[in-house]
N, C-alpha and C. Protein backbone atom coordinates (compact mmCIF):
# COMPACT_ATOMS: atom_id res chain seq x y z
N MET A 1 -61.73 51.63 -51.35
CA MET A 1 -61.11 51.57 -50.07
C MET A 1 -62.45 51.01 -49.34
N MET A 2 -62.27 50.58 -48.10
CA MET A 2 -63.21 49.70 -47.39
C MET A 2 -64.00 50.89 -46.41
N LYS A 3 -65.23 50.80 -46.20
CA LYS A 3 -65.83 51.57 -45.30
C LYS A 3 -66.09 50.83 -44.06
N LEU A 4 -65.47 51.60 -43.15
CA LEU A 4 -65.73 50.91 -41.56
C LEU A 4 -66.86 51.35 -41.05
N GLN A 5 -67.37 50.02 -40.55
CA GLN A 5 -68.67 50.20 -40.23
C GLN A 5 -68.70 50.40 -38.41
N SER A 6 -69.37 51.55 -38.18
CA SER A 6 -69.20 51.72 -36.90
C SER A 6 -70.33 50.94 -35.96
N ARG A 7 -69.88 50.56 -34.84
CA ARG A 7 -70.80 49.94 -33.95
C ARG A 7 -71.56 50.89 -33.22
N PRO A 8 -73.01 50.61 -33.10
CA PRO A 8 -73.43 51.42 -32.20
C PRO A 8 -73.02 51.15 -30.97
N VAL A 9 -72.80 52.49 -29.79
CA VAL A 9 -72.29 52.20 -28.45
C VAL A 9 -73.63 52.34 -27.54
N ILE A 10 -73.40 51.22 -26.84
CA ILE A 10 -74.43 50.95 -25.79
C ILE A 10 -74.27 51.64 -24.56
N TYR A 11 -75.10 52.75 -24.20
CA TYR A 11 -74.80 53.44 -22.94
C TYR A 11 -75.22 52.89 -21.45
N LYS A 12 -74.41 52.22 -20.89
CA LYS A 12 -74.98 51.69 -19.45
C LYS A 12 -75.03 52.57 -18.71
N PRO A 13 -76.17 53.13 -17.95
CA PRO A 13 -75.85 54.11 -16.82
C PRO A 13 -75.10 53.36 -15.69
N ASN A 14 -74.16 54.26 -15.02
CA ASN A 14 -73.39 53.70 -13.76
C ASN A 14 -74.66 53.16 -12.64
N PRO A 15 -74.08 51.79 -12.07
CA PRO A 15 -75.66 51.32 -11.03
C PRO A 15 -75.42 52.20 -10.25
N SER A 16 -76.82 52.25 -9.52
CA SER A 16 -76.79 53.35 -8.59
C SER A 16 -76.27 52.64 -7.23
N ARG A 17 -75.96 53.43 -6.09
CA ARG A 17 -75.71 53.05 -4.98
C ARG A 17 -76.40 52.00 -4.33
N ARG A 18 -77.48 51.72 -4.67
CA ARG A 18 -78.41 50.72 -3.99
C ARG A 18 -77.51 49.37 -4.25
N GLU A 19 -77.41 49.12 -5.74
CA GLU A 19 -76.86 48.21 -6.24
C GLU A 19 -75.57 47.45 -5.86
N LEU A 20 -74.92 48.46 -5.34
CA LEU A 20 -73.20 48.29 -5.01
C LEU A 20 -73.37 47.62 -3.51
N GLY A 21 -74.28 47.79 -2.45
CA GLY A 21 -74.18 47.13 -1.33
C GLY A 21 -75.03 47.56 -0.37
N PHE A 22 -74.80 47.65 0.67
CA PHE A 22 -75.68 47.88 1.52
C PHE A 22 -75.16 49.62 2.38
N THR A 23 -76.21 50.49 2.56
CA THR A 23 -75.81 51.37 3.65
C THR A 23 -75.21 51.34 4.92
N LEU A 24 -74.84 52.31 5.46
CA LEU A 24 -74.17 52.35 6.54
C LEU A 24 -75.20 51.96 7.68
N VAL A 25 -76.16 52.88 7.44
CA VAL A 25 -77.39 52.76 8.32
C VAL A 25 -78.17 51.22 8.50
N GLU A 26 -77.86 50.50 7.26
CA GLU A 26 -78.76 49.13 7.32
C GLU A 26 -77.47 48.06 7.93
N VAL A 27 -76.36 48.49 7.77
CA VAL A 27 -75.29 47.80 8.53
C VAL A 27 -75.47 47.78 9.90
N LEU A 28 -75.62 48.98 10.45
CA LEU A 28 -75.51 49.09 11.83
C LEU A 28 -76.90 48.71 12.52
N VAL A 29 -78.06 48.84 11.74
CA VAL A 29 -79.14 47.98 12.51
C VAL A 29 -78.93 46.52 12.20
N ALA A 30 -78.33 46.07 11.27
CA ALA A 30 -78.20 44.76 11.45
C ALA A 30 -77.44 44.34 12.74
N LEU A 31 -76.13 45.08 12.80
CA LEU A 31 -75.38 44.66 13.92
C LEU A 31 -76.00 45.26 15.37
N GLY A 32 -76.82 46.04 15.44
CA GLY A 32 -77.65 46.31 16.40
C GLY A 32 -78.62 44.69 16.87
N ILE A 33 -79.04 44.33 15.72
CA ILE A 33 -80.01 43.52 15.88
C ILE A 33 -79.36 41.96 16.31
N VAL A 34 -78.13 42.07 15.86
CA VAL A 34 -77.48 40.56 16.20
C VAL A 34 -76.79 40.80 17.72
N ALA A 35 -76.25 42.15 18.04
CA ALA A 35 -75.74 42.45 19.62
C ALA A 35 -77.02 41.99 20.69
N ILE A 36 -78.03 42.65 20.00
CA ILE A 36 -79.11 42.22 21.15
C ILE A 36 -79.72 41.03 21.37
N THR A 37 -79.48 40.01 20.00
CA THR A 37 -79.64 38.71 20.08
C THR A 37 -78.73 37.91 21.12
N LEU A 38 -77.36 38.34 20.83
CA LEU A 38 -76.11 37.77 21.71
C LEU A 38 -76.32 37.92 22.94
N ILE A 39 -76.98 39.30 23.33
CA ILE A 39 -77.02 39.71 24.80
C ILE A 39 -77.92 38.86 25.52
N ALA A 40 -79.26 38.91 24.73
CA ALA A 40 -80.47 37.80 25.51
C ALA A 40 -79.67 36.31 25.49
N GLY A 41 -79.35 35.67 24.24
CA GLY A 41 -78.71 34.31 24.44
C GLY A 41 -77.59 34.25 25.47
N LEU A 42 -76.58 35.43 25.76
CA LEU A 42 -75.94 35.22 27.13
C LEU A 42 -76.51 34.90 28.12
N GLN A 43 -77.51 36.01 28.43
CA GLN A 43 -78.32 36.07 29.74
C GLN A 43 -79.06 34.62 29.63
N ALA A 44 -79.53 34.24 28.84
CA ALA A 44 -80.24 32.96 28.91
C ALA A 44 -79.46 31.65 29.66
N MET A 45 -78.11 31.85 28.80
CA MET A 45 -77.11 31.18 29.32
C MET A 45 -76.44 30.99 30.68
N GLY A 46 -76.56 32.47 31.17
CA GLY A 46 -76.13 32.59 32.36
C GLY A 46 -77.26 31.89 33.40
N ALA A 47 -78.51 32.31 33.11
CA ALA A 47 -79.73 31.83 33.79
C ALA A 47 -79.62 30.38 33.84
N MET A 48 -79.39 29.77 33.08
CA MET A 48 -79.22 28.45 32.84
C MET A 48 -78.45 27.65 33.94
N THR A 49 -76.76 28.04 33.54
CA THR A 49 -75.91 27.93 34.64
C THR A 49 -76.17 28.01 35.83
N GLN A 50 -76.90 29.55 36.32
CA GLN A 50 -77.07 29.16 37.70
C GLN A 50 -77.95 28.21 38.25
N ASN A 51 -79.15 28.26 37.69
CA ASN A 51 -80.02 27.21 37.66
C ASN A 51 -79.23 25.73 37.84
N ALA A 52 -78.74 25.31 37.16
CA ALA A 52 -77.98 24.05 37.06
C ALA A 52 -77.02 23.90 38.63
N GLN A 53 -76.54 24.66 38.85
CA GLN A 53 -75.51 25.18 40.00
C GLN A 53 -76.34 25.02 41.23
N ARG A 54 -77.56 25.62 41.27
CA ARG A 54 -78.84 25.40 42.41
C ARG A 54 -79.26 24.22 42.29
N GLN A 55 -79.71 23.31 41.24
CA GLN A 55 -80.02 22.05 41.64
C GLN A 55 -79.05 21.26 41.90
N TRP A 56 -77.57 21.46 41.60
CA TRP A 56 -76.59 20.44 42.37
C TRP A 56 -76.36 20.72 43.43
N SER A 57 -76.35 21.81 43.94
CA SER A 57 -76.26 22.23 45.35
C SER A 57 -77.63 21.58 46.17
N ILE A 58 -78.74 21.66 45.80
CA ILE A 58 -80.05 21.02 46.74
C ILE A 58 -79.77 19.71 46.27
N PHE A 59 -79.06 18.84 45.38
CA PHE A 59 -79.19 17.76 45.20
C PHE A 59 -78.19 16.99 46.43
N LEU A 60 -76.83 17.89 46.80
CA LEU A 60 -76.05 17.60 47.40
C LEU A 60 -76.30 17.68 48.94
N ALA A 61 -77.35 18.83 48.96
CA ALA A 61 -78.00 18.95 50.45
C ALA A 61 -78.76 17.97 50.81
N GLU A 62 -79.68 17.52 49.84
CA GLU A 62 -80.96 16.40 50.13
C GLU A 62 -80.10 15.04 50.40
N GLN A 63 -78.79 14.73 50.06
CA GLN A 63 -77.89 13.66 50.55
C GLN A 63 -77.44 13.76 51.92
N CYS A 64 -76.95 14.88 52.19
CA CYS A 64 -76.76 15.16 53.33
C CYS A 64 -77.72 15.03 54.63
N ALA A 65 -78.83 15.65 54.08
CA ALA A 65 -80.25 15.20 55.00
C ALA A 65 -80.59 13.85 55.23
N ASN A 66 -80.60 13.27 53.89
CA ASN A 66 -80.83 11.74 54.00
C ASN A 66 -79.82 11.08 54.85
N ASN A 67 -78.31 11.28 54.74
CA ASN A 67 -77.61 10.54 55.34
C ASN A 67 -77.66 10.95 57.27
N ALA A 68 -77.98 12.00 57.41
CA ALA A 68 -78.54 12.18 58.84
C ALA A 68 -79.66 11.78 59.33
N LEU A 69 -80.71 11.61 58.47
CA LEU A 69 -82.20 10.91 58.95
C LEU A 69 -81.64 9.12 58.87
N ASN A 70 -80.76 8.58 58.03
CA ASN A 70 -80.65 7.47 58.11
C ASN A 70 -79.56 6.91 59.23
N ALA A 71 -78.85 7.92 59.57
CA ALA A 71 -77.99 7.86 60.73
C ALA A 71 -79.19 7.41 62.14
N LEU A 72 -79.91 8.45 62.16
CA LEU A 72 -80.60 8.12 63.30
C LEU A 72 -81.52 7.15 63.07
N LYS A 73 -82.07 6.28 62.17
CA LYS A 73 -82.94 5.57 61.93
C LYS A 73 -82.23 4.14 62.39
N LEU A 74 -80.75 4.00 61.70
CA LEU A 74 -79.99 2.85 62.10
C LEU A 74 -79.64 2.55 63.32
N SER A 75 -79.47 3.83 63.83
CA SER A 75 -78.59 3.96 65.59
C SER A 75 -79.90 2.84 66.35
N ALA A 76 -79.39 2.45 67.31
CA ALA A 76 -79.89 1.41 68.08
C ALA A 76 -80.88 1.67 69.29
N GLN A 77 -80.63 3.20 69.47
CA GLN A 77 -81.52 3.71 70.89
C GLN A 77 -82.58 4.85 70.00
N PHE A 78 -83.56 5.02 70.55
CA PHE A 78 -84.85 6.05 70.14
C PHE A 78 -84.18 7.32 70.26
N PRO A 79 -84.22 8.21 69.03
CA PRO A 79 -83.38 9.35 69.78
C PRO A 79 -84.32 10.35 70.71
N PRO A 80 -83.35 11.11 71.47
CA PRO A 80 -84.01 12.12 72.36
C PRO A 80 -84.67 13.33 71.96
N VAL A 81 -85.64 13.76 72.46
CA VAL A 81 -86.19 15.02 71.84
C VAL A 81 -85.07 16.04 72.35
N GLY A 82 -85.08 17.09 70.88
CA GLY A 82 -83.81 18.29 71.27
C GLY A 82 -83.70 18.44 69.94
N GLU A 83 -82.52 19.30 69.66
CA GLU A 83 -81.77 19.56 68.38
C GLU A 83 -80.31 19.29 68.38
N GLN A 84 -79.82 18.79 67.29
CA GLN A 84 -78.83 18.50 66.72
C GLN A 84 -78.04 19.26 65.55
N SER A 85 -76.68 19.29 65.68
CA SER A 85 -76.02 19.84 64.51
C SER A 85 -75.14 19.13 64.05
N ILE A 86 -75.02 18.96 62.70
CA ILE A 86 -73.97 17.92 62.33
C ILE A 86 -73.53 18.57 60.66
N GLU A 87 -72.08 18.55 60.68
CA GLU A 87 -71.45 18.81 59.33
C GLU A 87 -71.54 17.79 58.64
N CYS A 88 -71.62 18.18 57.28
CA CYS A 88 -71.71 17.16 56.25
C CYS A 88 -70.88 17.81 55.07
N THR A 89 -70.06 16.94 54.29
CA THR A 89 -69.19 17.43 53.26
C THR A 89 -69.65 16.40 52.15
N GLN A 90 -70.14 17.32 50.95
CA GLN A 90 -70.64 16.39 50.04
C GLN A 90 -69.73 16.95 48.60
N ALA A 91 -68.93 16.47 48.05
CA ALA A 91 -68.59 16.88 46.57
C ALA A 91 -67.78 18.08 46.88
N THR A 92 -66.79 18.26 48.00
CA THR A 92 -66.04 19.59 48.51
C THR A 92 -66.96 20.68 48.99
N LYS A 93 -68.08 20.61 48.81
CA LYS A 93 -69.16 21.49 49.56
C LYS A 93 -69.34 21.22 51.03
N THR A 94 -69.38 21.93 51.83
CA THR A 94 -69.69 21.81 53.23
C THR A 94 -71.09 22.39 53.66
N PHE A 95 -71.80 21.51 54.30
CA PHE A 95 -73.35 21.72 54.50
C PHE A 95 -73.45 21.61 55.90
N THR A 96 -74.08 22.03 56.85
CA THR A 96 -74.75 21.81 58.04
C THR A 96 -76.10 21.39 58.28
N VAL A 97 -76.05 20.14 58.76
CA VAL A 97 -77.50 19.78 58.79
C VAL A 97 -78.07 19.92 60.16
N LYS A 98 -79.06 20.51 60.48
CA LYS A 98 -79.74 21.30 61.65
C LYS A 98 -80.92 19.95 61.83
N LEU A 99 -80.60 18.99 62.92
CA LEU A 99 -81.93 18.19 63.41
C LEU A 99 -82.75 18.75 64.23
N SER A 100 -84.14 18.46 64.28
CA SER A 100 -85.05 18.96 64.98
C SER A 100 -85.89 17.73 65.59
N ILE A 101 -85.53 17.21 66.65
CA ILE A 101 -86.35 15.88 67.04
C ILE A 101 -87.11 16.39 68.12
N ASN A 102 -88.81 16.16 67.77
CA ASN A 102 -89.96 16.64 68.45
C ASN A 102 -90.75 15.20 68.69
N THR A 103 -91.57 15.47 69.75
CA THR A 103 -92.47 14.30 70.12
C THR A 103 -93.73 14.19 69.14
N THR A 104 -94.57 12.97 69.38
CA THR A 104 -95.67 13.33 68.41
C THR A 104 -97.07 12.87 69.68
N PRO A 105 -98.06 12.80 69.02
CA PRO A 105 -99.33 12.47 70.28
C PRO A 105 -98.89 10.98 70.31
N ASN A 106 -98.19 10.20 69.50
CA ASN A 106 -97.93 8.78 70.04
C ASN A 106 -96.52 8.77 70.50
N SER A 107 -96.46 8.37 71.64
CA SER A 107 -95.02 8.52 72.35
C SER A 107 -93.99 7.32 71.44
N VAL A 108 -94.73 6.59 70.79
CA VAL A 108 -93.44 5.83 70.18
C VAL A 108 -93.08 5.98 68.98
N PHE A 109 -93.49 7.37 68.64
CA PHE A 109 -92.72 7.83 67.23
C PHE A 109 -92.16 9.23 67.67
N ARG A 110 -91.21 9.97 66.83
CA ARG A 110 -90.62 10.85 67.03
C ARG A 110 -90.61 11.64 65.75
N ARG A 111 -90.86 13.00 65.70
CA ARG A 111 -91.06 14.07 64.44
C ARG A 111 -89.45 14.17 64.19
N VAL A 112 -88.82 13.97 62.88
CA VAL A 112 -87.58 14.59 62.70
C VAL A 112 -87.62 15.40 61.51
N ASP A 113 -87.16 16.69 61.87
CA ASP A 113 -86.95 17.58 60.76
C ASP A 113 -85.69 18.01 60.41
N ALA A 114 -85.20 17.82 59.32
CA ALA A 114 -83.63 17.92 58.69
C ALA A 114 -83.56 19.13 57.87
N GLN A 115 -82.85 20.18 58.44
CA GLN A 115 -82.71 21.47 57.68
C GLN A 115 -81.28 21.45 57.10
N VAL A 116 -80.92 21.63 56.04
CA VAL A 116 -79.78 21.73 55.62
C VAL A 116 -79.28 23.16 54.85
N PHE A 117 -78.20 23.64 55.47
CA PHE A 117 -77.50 25.06 55.34
C PHE A 117 -76.34 25.01 54.17
N GLU A 118 -76.18 25.70 53.61
CA GLU A 118 -74.71 26.18 52.88
C GLU A 118 -74.66 27.54 53.35
N ASN A 119 -73.35 27.88 53.93
CA ASN A 119 -73.00 29.13 54.36
C ASN A 119 -74.04 29.92 54.76
N ASN A 120 -74.98 29.27 55.94
CA ASN A 120 -75.94 29.85 56.45
C ASN A 120 -76.98 30.26 55.79
N SER A 121 -77.28 29.57 54.39
CA SER A 121 -78.46 29.87 53.46
C SER A 121 -79.24 28.75 53.28
N PRO A 122 -80.41 28.37 53.84
CA PRO A 122 -80.98 27.46 53.86
C PRO A 122 -81.18 26.79 52.58
N GLN A 123 -80.98 25.55 52.21
CA GLN A 123 -81.02 24.70 51.06
C GLN A 123 -82.38 23.60 50.87
N ILE A 124 -82.58 23.03 52.06
CA ILE A 124 -83.68 22.01 51.87
C ILE A 124 -83.97 21.85 53.33
N LYS A 125 -85.08 21.27 53.46
CA LYS A 125 -85.64 20.94 54.57
C LYS A 125 -86.63 19.30 54.36
N VAL A 126 -86.11 18.53 55.07
CA VAL A 126 -86.39 17.06 55.04
C VAL A 126 -87.10 16.48 56.30
N THR A 127 -88.74 15.92 56.24
CA THR A 127 -89.06 15.76 57.48
C THR A 127 -89.51 14.26 57.67
N THR A 128 -89.44 13.53 58.58
CA THR A 128 -89.79 12.18 58.56
C THR A 128 -90.20 11.40 60.19
N VAL A 129 -90.76 10.81 60.19
CA VAL A 129 -91.10 10.08 61.36
C VAL A 129 -90.16 8.83 61.73
N ILE A 130 -89.66 8.93 62.86
CA ILE A 130 -88.91 7.66 63.38
C ILE A 130 -89.48 7.00 64.55
N GLY A 131 -89.90 5.49 64.55
CA GLY A 131 -90.73 5.00 65.35
C GLY A 131 -89.42 4.06 66.27
N ARG A 132 -90.06 3.38 67.40
CA ARG A 132 -89.21 2.86 68.31
C ARG A 132 -89.16 1.66 67.61
N ILE A 133 -88.23 0.69 68.16
CA ILE A 133 -88.29 -0.71 67.17
C ILE A 133 -88.39 -1.59 68.28
């Protein structure tokens, strides 16, 4: 008869809970960190978007101010002292340009301030001197 040889049984203990995966607390902490990072990123993107819109609005307002000042410079007459208000539309936005024309110590020149408003909110102010030709 043949003897059966028994193999030694190697006992492997159950893997600990740590080796199976992450605990609930670790997962929640990681989700909290990801959420805070995403919120900070969204706030930064919102601020950048508002800044880009503000820069675009200022650029358009500057175009309106320059157009009004160039119209005064190209007119054949010396601008009279006083104030004028001009409507200007740039890229579907409507601006109001308020021109303030003042005298200078030299009577040959006029100081012209062009302040641009969008919805009664000041956007930009440009000042120049116009001389008599």
